[in-house]
ModelCIF file with pLDDT and N, C-alpha, C, O atoms, coordinates in Angstrom:
data_MODEL
#
_entry.id   MODEL 
#
_entity.id                         1 
_entity.type                       polymer 
_entity.pdbx_number_of_molecules   1 
#
_entity_poly.entity_id                      1 
_entity_poly.type                           'polypeptide(L)' 
_entity_poly.nstd_linkage                   no 
_entity_poly.nstd_monomer                   no 
_entity_poly.pdbx_seq_one_letter_code       
;(UNK)(UNK)(UNK)(UNK)(UNK)(UNK)(UNK)(UNK)(UNK)(UNK)(UNK)(UNK)(UNK)(UNK)(UNK)(UNK)
(UNK)(UNK)(UNK)(UNK)(UNK)(UNK)(UNK)(UNK)(UNK)(UNK)(UNK)(UNK)(UNK)(UNK)(UNK)(UNK)
(UNK)(UNK)(UNK)(UNK)(UNK)(UNK)(UNK)(UNK)(UNK)(UNK)(UNK)(UNK)(UNK)(UNK)
;
_entity_poly.pdbx_seq_one_letter_code_can   XXXXXXXXXXXXXXXXXXXXXXXXXXXXXXXXXXXXXXXXXXXXXX 
_entity_poly.pdbx_strand_id                 A 
#
loop_
_entity_poly_seq.entity_id 
_entity_poly_seq.num 
_entity_poly_seq.mon_id 
_entity_poly_seq.hetero 
1 1  UNK n 
1 2  UNK n 
1 3  UNK n 
1 4  UNK n 
1 5  UNK n 
1 6  UNK n 
1 7  UNK n 
1 8  UNK n 
1 9  UNK n 
1 10 UNK n 
1 11 UNK n 
1 12 UNK n 
1 13 UNK n 
1 14 UNK n 
1 15 UNK n 
1 16 UNK n 
1 17 UNK n 
1 18 UNK n 
1 19 UNK n 
1 20 UNK n 
1 21 UNK n 
1 22 UNK n 
1 23 UNK n 
1 24 UNK n 
1 25 UNK n 
1 26 UNK n 
1 27 UNK n 
1 28 UNK n 
1 29 UNK n 
1 30 UNK n 
1 31 UNK n 
1 32 UNK n 
1 33 UNK n 
1 34 UNK n 
1 35 UNK n 
1 36 UNK n 
1 37 UNK n 
1 38 UNK n 
1 39 UNK n 
1 40 UNK n 
1 41 UNK n 
1 42 UNK n 
1 43 UNK n 
1 44 UNK n 
1 45 UNK n 
1 46 UNK n 
#
_struct_asym.id          A 
_struct_asym.entity_id   1 
#
loop_
_ma_qa_metric.id 
_ma_qa_metric.mode 
_ma_qa_metric.name 
_ma_qa_metric.software_group_id 
_ma_qa_metric.type 
1 global pLDDT . pLDDT 
2 local  pLDDT . pLDDT 
#
_ma_qa_metric_global.metric_id      1 
_ma_qa_metric_global.metric_value   91.80 
_ma_qa_metric_global.model_id       1 
_ma_qa_metric_global.ordinal_id     1 
#
loop_
_ma_qa_metric_local.label_asym_id 
_ma_qa_metric_local.label_comp_id 
_ma_qa_metric_local.label_seq_id 
_ma_qa_metric_local.metric_id 
_ma_qa_metric_local.metric_value 
_ma_qa_metric_local.model_id 
_ma_qa_metric_local.ordinal_id 
A UNK 1  2 93.00 1 1  
A UNK 2  2 88.00 1 2  
A UNK 3  2 86.00 1 3  
A UNK 4  2 78.00 1 4  
A UNK 5  2 74.00 1 5  
A UNK 6  2 77.00 1 6  
A UNK 7  2 79.00 1 7  
A UNK 8  2 79.00 1 8  
A UNK 9  2 81.00 1 9  
A UNK 10 2 85.00 1 10 
A UNK 11 2 87.00 1 11 
A UNK 12 2 90.00 1 12 
A UNK 13 2 92.00 1 13 
A UNK 14 2 96.00 1 14 
A UNK 15 2 97.00 1 15 
A UNK 16 2 97.00 1 16 
A UNK 17 2 98.00 1 17 
A UNK 18 2 98.00 1 18 
A UNK 19 2 98.00 1 19 
A UNK 20 2 98.00 1 20 
A UNK 21 2 97.00 1 21 
A UNK 22 2 97.00 1 22 
A UNK 23 2 94.00 1 23 
A UNK 24 2 92.00 1 24 
A UNK 25 2 79.00 1 25 
A UNK 26 2 77.00 1 26 
A UNK 27 2 80.00 1 27 
A UNK 28 2 84.00 1 28 
A UNK 29 2 91.00 1 29 
A UNK 30 2 96.00 1 30 
A UNK 31 2 96.00 1 31 
A UNK 32 2 97.00 1 32 
A UNK 33 2 98.00 1 33 
A UNK 34 2 98.00 1 34 
A UNK 35 2 98.00 1 35 
A UNK 36 2 98.00 1 36 
A UNK 37 2 98.00 1 37 
A UNK 38 2 98.00 1 38 
A UNK 39 2 98.00 1 39 
A UNK 40 2 98.00 1 40 
A UNK 41 2 98.00 1 41 
A UNK 42 2 98.00 1 42 
A UNK 43 2 98.00 1 43 
A UNK 44 2 98.00 1 44 
A UNK 45 2 98.00 1 45 
A UNK 46 2 98.00 1 46 
#
loop_
_atom_site.group_PDB 
_atom_site.id 
_atom_site.type_symbol 
_atom_site.label_atom_id 
_atom_site.label_alt_id 
_atom_site.label_comp_id 
_atom_site.label_asym_id 
_atom_site.label_entity_id 
_atom_site.label_seq_id 
_atom_site.pdbx_PDB_ins_code 
_atom_site.Cartn_x 
_atom_site.Cartn_y 
_atom_site.Cartn_z 
_atom_site.occupancy 
_atom_site.B_iso_or_equiv 
_atom_site.pdbx_formal_charge 
_atom_site.auth_seq_id 
_atom_site.auth_comp_id 
_atom_site.auth_asym_id 
_atom_site.auth_atom_id 
_atom_site.pdbx_PDB_model_num 
ATOM 1   N N  . UNK A 1 1  ? 63.117 93.718  117.473 1.00 93.00 ? 1  UNK A N  1 
ATOM 2   C CA . UNK A 1 1  ? 63.084 91.947  117.729 1.00 93.00 ? 1  UNK A CA 1 
ATOM 3   C C  . UNK A 1 1  ? 63.329 91.642  116.787 1.00 93.00 ? 1  UNK A C  1 
ATOM 4   O O  . UNK A 1 1  ? 62.597 91.327  115.848 1.00 93.00 ? 1  UNK A O  1 
ATOM 5   N N  . UNK A 1 2  ? 64.960 91.702  116.912 1.00 88.00 ? 2  UNK A N  1 
ATOM 6   C CA . UNK A 1 2  ? 65.600 90.926  116.041 1.00 88.00 ? 2  UNK A CA 1 
ATOM 7   C C  . UNK A 1 2  ? 66.689 89.909  116.407 1.00 88.00 ? 2  UNK A C  1 
ATOM 8   O O  . UNK A 1 2  ? 67.827 89.749  115.965 1.00 88.00 ? 2  UNK A O  1 
ATOM 9   N N  . UNK A 1 3  ? 65.967 89.258  117.375 1.00 86.00 ? 3  UNK A N  1 
ATOM 10  C CA . UNK A 1 3  ? 66.429 88.115  117.911 1.00 86.00 ? 3  UNK A CA 1 
ATOM 11  C C  . UNK A 1 3  ? 66.672 86.648  117.177 1.00 86.00 ? 3  UNK A C  1 
ATOM 12  O O  . UNK A 1 3  ? 67.560 85.797  117.145 1.00 86.00 ? 3  UNK A O  1 
ATOM 13  N N  . UNK A 1 4  ? 65.707 86.802  116.757 1.00 78.00 ? 4  UNK A N  1 
ATOM 14  C CA . UNK A 1 4  ? 65.461 85.485  115.667 1.00 78.00 ? 4  UNK A CA 1 
ATOM 15  C C  . UNK A 1 4  ? 65.092 85.973  114.374 1.00 78.00 ? 4  UNK A C  1 
ATOM 16  O O  . UNK A 1 4  ? 64.062 85.402  114.017 1.00 78.00 ? 4  UNK A O  1 
ATOM 17  N N  . UNK A 1 5  ? 65.581 86.944  113.365 1.00 74.00 ? 5  UNK A N  1 
ATOM 18  C CA . UNK A 1 5  ? 65.261 87.744  112.219 1.00 74.00 ? 5  UNK A CA 1 
ATOM 19  C C  . UNK A 1 5  ? 65.640 86.788  111.071 1.00 74.00 ? 5  UNK A C  1 
ATOM 20  O O  . UNK A 1 5  ? 65.094 86.638  109.978 1.00 74.00 ? 5  UNK A O  1 
ATOM 21  N N  . UNK A 1 6  ? 66.816 86.123  111.653 1.00 77.00 ? 6  UNK A N  1 
ATOM 22  C CA . UNK A 1 6  ? 67.821 85.313  110.658 1.00 77.00 ? 6  UNK A CA 1 
ATOM 23  C C  . UNK A 1 6  ? 67.103 83.523  110.634 1.00 77.00 ? 6  UNK A C  1 
ATOM 24  O O  . UNK A 1 6  ? 67.736 82.686  109.990 1.00 77.00 ? 6  UNK A O  1 
ATOM 25  N N  . UNK A 1 7  ? 66.233 83.235  111.123 1.00 79.00 ? 7  UNK A N  1 
ATOM 26  C CA . UNK A 1 7  ? 64.905 82.449  111.157 1.00 79.00 ? 7  UNK A CA 1 
ATOM 27  C C  . UNK A 1 7  ? 63.979 82.552  109.776 1.00 79.00 ? 7  UNK A C  1 
ATOM 28  O O  . UNK A 1 7  ? 63.376 83.625  109.776 1.00 79.00 ? 7  UNK A O  1 
ATOM 29  N N  . UNK A 1 8  ? 63.713 81.801  108.683 1.00 79.00 ? 8  UNK A N  1 
ATOM 30  C CA . UNK A 1 8  ? 62.427 81.837  107.862 1.00 79.00 ? 8  UNK A CA 1 
ATOM 31  C C  . UNK A 1 8  ? 60.890 82.076  108.506 1.00 79.00 ? 8  UNK A C  1 
ATOM 32  O O  . UNK A 1 8  ? 60.011 82.657  107.868 1.00 79.00 ? 8  UNK A O  1 
ATOM 33  N N  . UNK A 1 9  ? 60.707 81.575  109.784 1.00 81.00 ? 9  UNK A N  1 
ATOM 34  C CA . UNK A 1 9  ? 59.642 81.603  110.254 1.00 81.00 ? 9  UNK A CA 1 
ATOM 35  C C  . UNK A 1 9  ? 59.501 82.995  110.664 1.00 81.00 ? 9  UNK A C  1 
ATOM 36  O O  . UNK A 1 9  ? 58.356 83.445  110.647 1.00 81.00 ? 9  UNK A O  1 
ATOM 37  N N  . UNK A 1 10 ? 60.680 83.946  111.117 1.00 85.00 ? 10 UNK A N  1 
ATOM 38  C CA . UNK A 1 10 ? 60.643 84.670  111.701 1.00 85.00 ? 10 UNK A CA 1 
ATOM 39  C C  . UNK A 1 10 ? 60.679 86.088  110.872 1.00 85.00 ? 10 UNK A C  1 
ATOM 40  O O  . UNK A 1 10 ? 60.087 87.075  111.309 1.00 85.00 ? 10 UNK A O  1 
ATOM 41  N N  . UNK A 1 11 ? 61.261 86.109  109.907 1.00 87.00 ? 11 UNK A N  1 
ATOM 42  C CA . UNK A 1 11 ? 61.501 87.143  108.612 1.00 87.00 ? 11 UNK A CA 1 
ATOM 43  C C  . UNK A 1 11 ? 60.450 88.346  108.633 1.00 87.00 ? 11 UNK A C  1 
ATOM 44  O O  . UNK A 1 11 ? 60.723 89.457  108.179 1.00 87.00 ? 11 UNK A O  1 
ATOM 45  N N  . UNK A 1 12 ? 59.612 88.120  109.024 1.00 90.00 ? 12 UNK A N  1 
ATOM 46  C CA . UNK A 1 12 ? 58.540 89.543  109.174 1.00 90.00 ? 12 UNK A CA 1 
ATOM 47  C C  . UNK A 1 12 ? 58.047 89.371  110.738 1.00 90.00 ? 12 UNK A C  1 
ATOM 48  O O  . UNK A 1 12 ? 56.881 89.106  111.029 1.00 90.00 ? 12 UNK A O  1 
ATOM 49  N N  . UNK A 1 13 ? 58.780 89.503  111.411 1.00 92.00 ? 13 UNK A N  1 
ATOM 50  C CA . UNK A 1 13 ? 58.668 89.769  112.966 1.00 92.00 ? 13 UNK A CA 1 
ATOM 51  C C  . UNK A 1 13 ? 59.199 90.809  113.545 1.00 92.00 ? 13 UNK A C  1 
ATOM 52  O O  . UNK A 1 13 ? 58.573 91.333  114.467 1.00 92.00 ? 13 UNK A O  1 
ATOM 53  N N  . UNK A 1 14 ? 60.578 91.387  113.103 1.00 96.00 ? 14 UNK A N  1 
ATOM 54  C CA . UNK A 1 14 ? 61.267 92.415  113.500 1.00 96.00 ? 14 UNK A CA 1 
ATOM 55  C C  . UNK A 1 14 ? 60.783 93.684  112.369 1.00 96.00 ? 14 UNK A C  1 
ATOM 56  O O  . UNK A 1 14 ? 59.991 93.688  111.427 1.00 96.00 ? 14 UNK A O  1 
ATOM 57  N N  . UNK A 1 15 ? 61.507 94.533  112.858 1.00 97.00 ? 15 UNK A N  1 
ATOM 58  C CA . UNK A 1 15 ? 60.701 95.712  111.987 1.00 97.00 ? 15 UNK A CA 1 
ATOM 59  C C  . UNK A 1 15 ? 61.691 95.831  110.859 1.00 97.00 ? 15 UNK A C  1 
ATOM 60  O O  . UNK A 1 15 ? 62.884 96.095  111.003 1.00 97.00 ? 15 UNK A O  1 
ATOM 61  N N  . UNK A 1 16 ? 60.920 95.553  109.450 1.00 97.00 ? 16 UNK A N  1 
ATOM 62  C CA . UNK A 1 16 ? 61.649 95.202  107.673 1.00 97.00 ? 16 UNK A CA 1 
ATOM 63  C C  . UNK A 1 16 ? 61.021 96.378  107.090 1.00 97.00 ? 16 UNK A C  1 
ATOM 64  O O  . UNK A 1 16 ? 60.377 97.401  107.323 1.00 97.00 ? 16 UNK A O  1 
ATOM 65  N N  . UNK A 1 17 ? 61.605 95.613  106.145 1.00 98.00 ? 17 UNK A N  1 
ATOM 66  C CA . UNK A 1 17 ? 61.264 97.332  104.916 1.00 98.00 ? 17 UNK A CA 1 
ATOM 67  C C  . UNK A 1 17 ? 61.488 96.222  103.680 1.00 98.00 ? 17 UNK A C  1 
ATOM 68  O O  . UNK A 1 17 ? 62.410 95.407  103.631 1.00 98.00 ? 17 UNK A O  1 
ATOM 69  N N  . UNK A 1 18 ? 60.340 96.403  102.624 1.00 98.00 ? 18 UNK A N  1 
ATOM 70  C CA . UNK A 1 18 ? 60.173 95.633  101.195 1.00 98.00 ? 18 UNK A CA 1 
ATOM 71  C C  . UNK A 1 18 ? 59.728 96.993  100.728 1.00 98.00 ? 18 UNK A C  1 
ATOM 72  O O  . UNK A 1 18 ? 58.915 97.881  100.986 1.00 98.00 ? 18 UNK A O  1 
ATOM 73  N N  . UNK A 1 19 ? 61.001 96.578  99.648  1.00 98.00 ? 19 UNK A N  1 
ATOM 74  C CA . UNK A 1 19 ? 60.461 97.740  98.725  1.00 98.00 ? 19 UNK A CA 1 
ATOM 75  C C  . UNK A 1 19 ? 60.977 96.994  96.993  1.00 98.00 ? 19 UNK A C  1 
ATOM 76  O O  . UNK A 1 19 ? 61.873 96.192  96.731  1.00 98.00 ? 19 UNK A O  1 
ATOM 77  N N  . UNK A 1 20 ? 59.978 97.676  96.100  1.00 98.00 ? 20 UNK A N  1 
ATOM 78  C CA . UNK A 1 20 ? 59.822 96.822  94.876  1.00 98.00 ? 20 UNK A CA 1 
ATOM 79  C C  . UNK A 1 20 ? 59.681 98.698  94.055  1.00 98.00 ? 20 UNK A C  1 
ATOM 80  O O  . UNK A 1 20 ? 59.083 99.750  94.279  1.00 98.00 ? 20 UNK A O  1 
ATOM 81  N N  . UNK A 1 21 ? 60.712 98.107  93.013  1.00 97.00 ? 21 UNK A N  1 
ATOM 82  C CA . UNK A 1 21 ? 61.075 99.633  91.908  1.00 97.00 ? 21 UNK A CA 1 
ATOM 83  C C  . UNK A 1 21 ? 61.667 99.330  90.382  1.00 97.00 ? 21 UNK A C  1 
ATOM 84  O O  . UNK A 1 21 ? 62.107 98.327  89.821  1.00 97.00 ? 21 UNK A O  1 
ATOM 85  N N  . UNK A 1 22 ? 61.479 100.518 90.056  1.00 97.00 ? 22 UNK A N  1 
ATOM 86  C CA . UNK A 1 22 ? 62.418 100.622 88.225  1.00 97.00 ? 22 UNK A CA 1 
ATOM 87  C C  . UNK A 1 22 ? 62.818 101.435 88.201  1.00 97.00 ? 22 UNK A C  1 
ATOM 88  O O  . UNK A 1 22 ? 62.083 102.362 88.541  1.00 97.00 ? 22 UNK A O  1 
ATOM 89  N N  . UNK A 1 23 ? 64.409 101.837 87.757  1.00 94.00 ? 23 UNK A N  1 
ATOM 90  C CA . UNK A 1 23 ? 65.045 102.710 87.197  1.00 94.00 ? 23 UNK A CA 1 
ATOM 91  C C  . UNK A 1 23 ? 65.135 102.676 85.945  1.00 94.00 ? 23 UNK A C  1 
ATOM 92  O O  . UNK A 1 23 ? 65.539 101.787 85.196  1.00 94.00 ? 23 UNK A O  1 
ATOM 93  N N  . UNK A 1 24 ? 64.520 104.247 85.640  1.00 92.00 ? 24 UNK A N  1 
ATOM 94  C CA . UNK A 1 24 ? 64.326 104.551 84.147  1.00 92.00 ? 24 UNK A CA 1 
ATOM 95  C C  . UNK A 1 24 ? 65.710 103.941 83.388  1.00 92.00 ? 24 UNK A C  1 
ATOM 96  O O  . UNK A 1 24 ? 66.471 103.206 84.016  1.00 92.00 ? 24 UNK A O  1 
ATOM 97  N N  . UNK A 1 25 ? 65.977 104.328 81.919  1.00 79.00 ? 25 UNK A N  1 
ATOM 98  C CA . UNK A 1 25 ? 66.506 104.074 81.818  1.00 79.00 ? 25 UNK A CA 1 
ATOM 99  C C  . UNK A 1 25 ? 67.211 105.615 80.911  1.00 79.00 ? 25 UNK A C  1 
ATOM 100 O O  . UNK A 1 25 ? 67.361 105.394 79.710  1.00 79.00 ? 25 UNK A O  1 
ATOM 101 N N  . UNK A 1 26 ? 67.543 106.774 81.277  1.00 77.00 ? 26 UNK A N  1 
ATOM 102 C CA . UNK A 1 26 ? 67.188 107.910 81.090  1.00 77.00 ? 26 UNK A CA 1 
ATOM 103 C C  . UNK A 1 26 ? 68.676 109.171 81.523  1.00 77.00 ? 26 UNK A C  1 
ATOM 104 O O  . UNK A 1 26 ? 69.777 108.654 81.714  1.00 77.00 ? 26 UNK A O  1 
ATOM 105 N N  . UNK A 1 27 ? 68.578 110.369 81.608  1.00 80.00 ? 27 UNK A N  1 
ATOM 106 C CA . UNK A 1 27 ? 69.851 110.726 81.758  1.00 80.00 ? 27 UNK A CA 1 
ATOM 107 C C  . UNK A 1 27 ? 69.713 111.281 82.799  1.00 80.00 ? 27 UNK A C  1 
ATOM 108 O O  . UNK A 1 27 ? 70.754 111.682 83.320  1.00 80.00 ? 27 UNK A O  1 
ATOM 109 N N  . UNK A 1 28 ? 68.395 111.537 83.531  1.00 84.00 ? 28 UNK A N  1 
ATOM 110 C CA . UNK A 1 28 ? 68.243 111.974 85.206  1.00 84.00 ? 28 UNK A CA 1 
ATOM 111 C C  . UNK A 1 28 ? 68.256 110.684 85.996  1.00 84.00 ? 28 UNK A C  1 
ATOM 112 O O  . UNK A 1 28 ? 67.723 110.817 87.098  1.00 84.00 ? 28 UNK A O  1 
ATOM 113 N N  . UNK A 1 29 ? 68.601 109.780 85.804  1.00 91.00 ? 29 UNK A N  1 
ATOM 114 C CA . UNK A 1 29 ? 68.662 108.453 86.837  1.00 91.00 ? 29 UNK A CA 1 
ATOM 115 C C  . UNK A 1 29 ? 67.243 108.694 87.840  1.00 91.00 ? 29 UNK A C  1 
ATOM 116 O O  . UNK A 1 29 ? 67.184 109.317 88.900  1.00 91.00 ? 29 UNK A O  1 
ATOM 117 N N  . UNK A 1 30 ? 66.505 108.208 87.348  1.00 96.00 ? 30 UNK A N  1 
ATOM 118 C CA . UNK A 1 30 ? 64.926 108.675 87.813  1.00 96.00 ? 30 UNK A CA 1 
ATOM 119 C C  . UNK A 1 30 ? 64.346 107.642 87.967  1.00 96.00 ? 30 UNK A C  1 
ATOM 120 O O  . UNK A 1 30 ? 64.023 107.111 86.904  1.00 96.00 ? 30 UNK A O  1 
ATOM 121 N N  . UNK A 1 31 ? 63.937 106.867 89.282  1.00 96.00 ? 31 UNK A N  1 
ATOM 122 C CA . UNK A 1 31 ? 62.884 105.806 88.976  1.00 96.00 ? 31 UNK A CA 1 
ATOM 123 C C  . UNK A 1 31 ? 62.501 105.899 89.728  1.00 96.00 ? 31 UNK A C  1 
ATOM 124 O O  . UNK A 1 31 ? 63.098 106.644 90.505  1.00 96.00 ? 31 UNK A O  1 
ATOM 125 N N  . UNK A 1 32 ? 60.893 105.129 90.343  1.00 97.00 ? 32 UNK A N  1 
ATOM 126 C CA . UNK A 1 32 ? 59.646 104.982 90.875  1.00 97.00 ? 32 UNK A CA 1 
ATOM 127 C C  . UNK A 1 32 ? 59.591 103.671 91.712  1.00 97.00 ? 32 UNK A C  1 
ATOM 128 O O  . UNK A 1 32 ? 59.842 102.527 91.333  1.00 97.00 ? 32 UNK A O  1 
ATOM 129 N N  . UNK A 1 33 ? 59.215 104.096 92.905  1.00 98.00 ? 33 UNK A N  1 
ATOM 130 C CA . UNK A 1 33 ? 59.116 102.872 93.336  1.00 98.00 ? 33 UNK A CA 1 
ATOM 131 C C  . UNK A 1 33 ? 58.379 102.623 94.764  1.00 98.00 ? 33 UNK A C  1 
ATOM 132 O O  . UNK A 1 33 ? 58.515 103.558 95.553  1.00 98.00 ? 33 UNK A O  1 
ATOM 133 N N  . UNK A 1 34 ? 57.586 101.459 95.242  1.00 98.00 ? 34 UNK A N  1 
ATOM 134 C CA . UNK A 1 34 ? 56.708 100.705 96.263  1.00 98.00 ? 34 UNK A CA 1 
ATOM 135 C C  . UNK A 1 34 ? 57.000 100.386 97.717  1.00 98.00 ? 34 UNK A C  1 
ATOM 136 O O  . UNK A 1 34 ? 57.128 99.178  97.920  1.00 98.00 ? 34 UNK A O  1 
ATOM 137 N N  . UNK A 1 35 ? 57.113 101.031 98.593  1.00 98.00 ? 35 UNK A N  1 
ATOM 138 C CA . UNK A 1 35 ? 57.608 100.574 99.783  1.00 98.00 ? 35 UNK A CA 1 
ATOM 139 C C  . UNK A 1 35 ? 56.444 100.207 100.505 1.00 98.00 ? 35 UNK A C  1 
ATOM 140 O O  . UNK A 1 35 ? 55.297 100.455 100.132 1.00 98.00 ? 35 UNK A O  1 
ATOM 141 N N  . UNK A 1 36 ? 56.703 99.717  101.360 1.00 98.00 ? 36 UNK A N  1 
ATOM 142 C CA . UNK A 1 36 ? 56.447 98.664  102.520 1.00 98.00 ? 36 UNK A CA 1 
ATOM 143 C C  . UNK A 1 36 ? 57.517 98.588  103.672 1.00 98.00 ? 36 UNK A C  1 
ATOM 144 O O  . UNK A 1 36 ? 58.413 97.763  103.847 1.00 98.00 ? 36 UNK A O  1 
ATOM 145 N N  . UNK A 1 37 ? 57.097 99.883  104.529 1.00 98.00 ? 37 UNK A N  1 
ATOM 146 C CA . UNK A 1 37 ? 58.397 100.063 105.770 1.00 98.00 ? 37 UNK A CA 1 
ATOM 147 C C  . UNK A 1 37 ? 57.162 99.761  107.188 1.00 98.00 ? 37 UNK A C  1 
ATOM 148 O O  . UNK A 1 37 ? 56.354 100.427 107.835 1.00 98.00 ? 37 UNK A O  1 
ATOM 149 N N  . UNK A 1 38 ? 57.611 98.464  107.131 1.00 98.00 ? 38 UNK A N  1 
ATOM 150 C CA . UNK A 1 38 ? 57.029 97.939  109.060 1.00 98.00 ? 38 UNK A CA 1 
ATOM 151 C C  . UNK A 1 38 ? 57.763 98.599  110.283 1.00 98.00 ? 38 UNK A C  1 
ATOM 152 O O  . UNK A 1 38 ? 58.662 97.930  110.793 1.00 98.00 ? 38 UNK A O  1 
ATOM 153 N N  . UNK A 1 39 ? 57.471 99.882  110.832 1.00 98.00 ? 39 UNK A N  1 
ATOM 154 C CA . UNK A 1 39 ? 58.086 100.160 111.912 1.00 98.00 ? 39 UNK A CA 1 
ATOM 155 C C  . UNK A 1 39 ? 57.191 99.768  113.197 1.00 98.00 ? 39 UNK A C  1 
ATOM 156 O O  . UNK A 1 39 ? 56.249 99.042  112.879 1.00 98.00 ? 39 UNK A O  1 
ATOM 157 N N  . UNK A 1 40 ? 57.255 100.054 114.484 1.00 98.00 ? 40 UNK A N  1 
ATOM 158 C CA . UNK A 1 40 ? 56.453 99.997  115.540 1.00 98.00 ? 40 UNK A CA 1 
ATOM 159 C C  . UNK A 1 40 ? 57.100 101.079 116.152 1.00 98.00 ? 40 UNK A C  1 
ATOM 160 O O  . UNK A 1 40 ? 58.236 101.536 116.027 1.00 98.00 ? 40 UNK A O  1 
ATOM 161 N N  . UNK A 1 41 ? 55.843 101.488 117.051 1.00 98.00 ? 41 UNK A N  1 
ATOM 162 C CA . UNK A 1 41 ? 55.882 103.134 117.785 1.00 98.00 ? 41 UNK A CA 1 
ATOM 163 C C  . UNK A 1 41 ? 54.722 102.413 119.294 1.00 98.00 ? 41 UNK A C  1 
ATOM 164 O O  . UNK A 1 41 ? 53.503 102.446 119.464 1.00 98.00 ? 41 UNK A O  1 
ATOM 165 N N  . UNK A 1 42 ? 55.468 102.036 119.831 1.00 98.00 ? 42 UNK A N  1 
ATOM 166 C CA . UNK A 1 42 ? 55.269 102.605 121.084 1.00 98.00 ? 42 UNK A CA 1 
ATOM 167 C C  . UNK A 1 42 ? 55.117 103.308 122.444 1.00 98.00 ? 42 UNK A C  1 
ATOM 168 O O  . UNK A 1 42 ? 56.094 103.256 123.192 1.00 98.00 ? 42 UNK A O  1 
ATOM 169 N N  . UNK A 1 43 ? 53.962 103.990 122.878 1.00 98.00 ? 43 UNK A N  1 
ATOM 170 C CA . UNK A 1 43 ? 54.058 105.027 123.718 1.00 98.00 ? 43 UNK A CA 1 
ATOM 171 C C  . UNK A 1 43 ? 54.434 104.480 124.617 1.00 98.00 ? 43 UNK A C  1 
ATOM 172 O O  . UNK A 1 43 ? 53.849 103.407 124.765 1.00 98.00 ? 43 UNK A O  1 
ATOM 173 N N  . UNK A 1 44 ? 55.524 104.790 125.703 1.00 98.00 ? 44 UNK A N  1 
ATOM 174 C CA . UNK A 1 44 ? 56.329 104.530 127.054 1.00 98.00 ? 44 UNK A CA 1 
ATOM 175 C C  . UNK A 1 44 ? 55.303 104.506 127.916 1.00 98.00 ? 44 UNK A C  1 
ATOM 176 O O  . UNK A 1 44 ? 54.589 105.475 128.176 1.00 98.00 ? 44 UNK A O  1 
ATOM 177 N N  . UNK A 1 45 ? 55.144 102.733 128.658 1.00 98.00 ? 45 UNK A N  1 
ATOM 178 C CA . UNK A 1 45 ? 54.040 102.970 129.748 1.00 98.00 ? 45 UNK A CA 1 
ATOM 179 C C  . UNK A 1 45 ? 54.912 103.751 131.229 1.00 98.00 ? 45 UNK A C  1 
ATOM 180 O O  . UNK A 1 45 ? 56.075 104.132 131.356 1.00 98.00 ? 45 UNK A O  1 
ATOM 181 N N  . UNK A 1 46 ? 53.770 103.751 132.157 1.00 98.00 ? 46 UNK A N  1 
ATOM 182 C CA . UNK A 1 46 ? 54.626 104.667 133.045 1.00 98.00 ? 46 UNK A CA 1 
ATOM 183 C C  . UNK A 1 46 ? 55.413 105.994 133.475 1.00 98.00 ? 46 UNK A C  1 
ATOM 184 O O  . UNK A 1 46 ? 56.004 106.039 134.554 1.00 98.00 ? 46 UNK A O  1 
#
């Protein structure tokens, strides 16, 4: 559903991802993240 993804009113129509996270300042370069992955799954008809 990428036809109108560039329109503000259609940002969440396509398959999208929103991630919010934090990288710690440490020697291991580790971080944590909350991710919302909006995929679409359709059992193929016919």
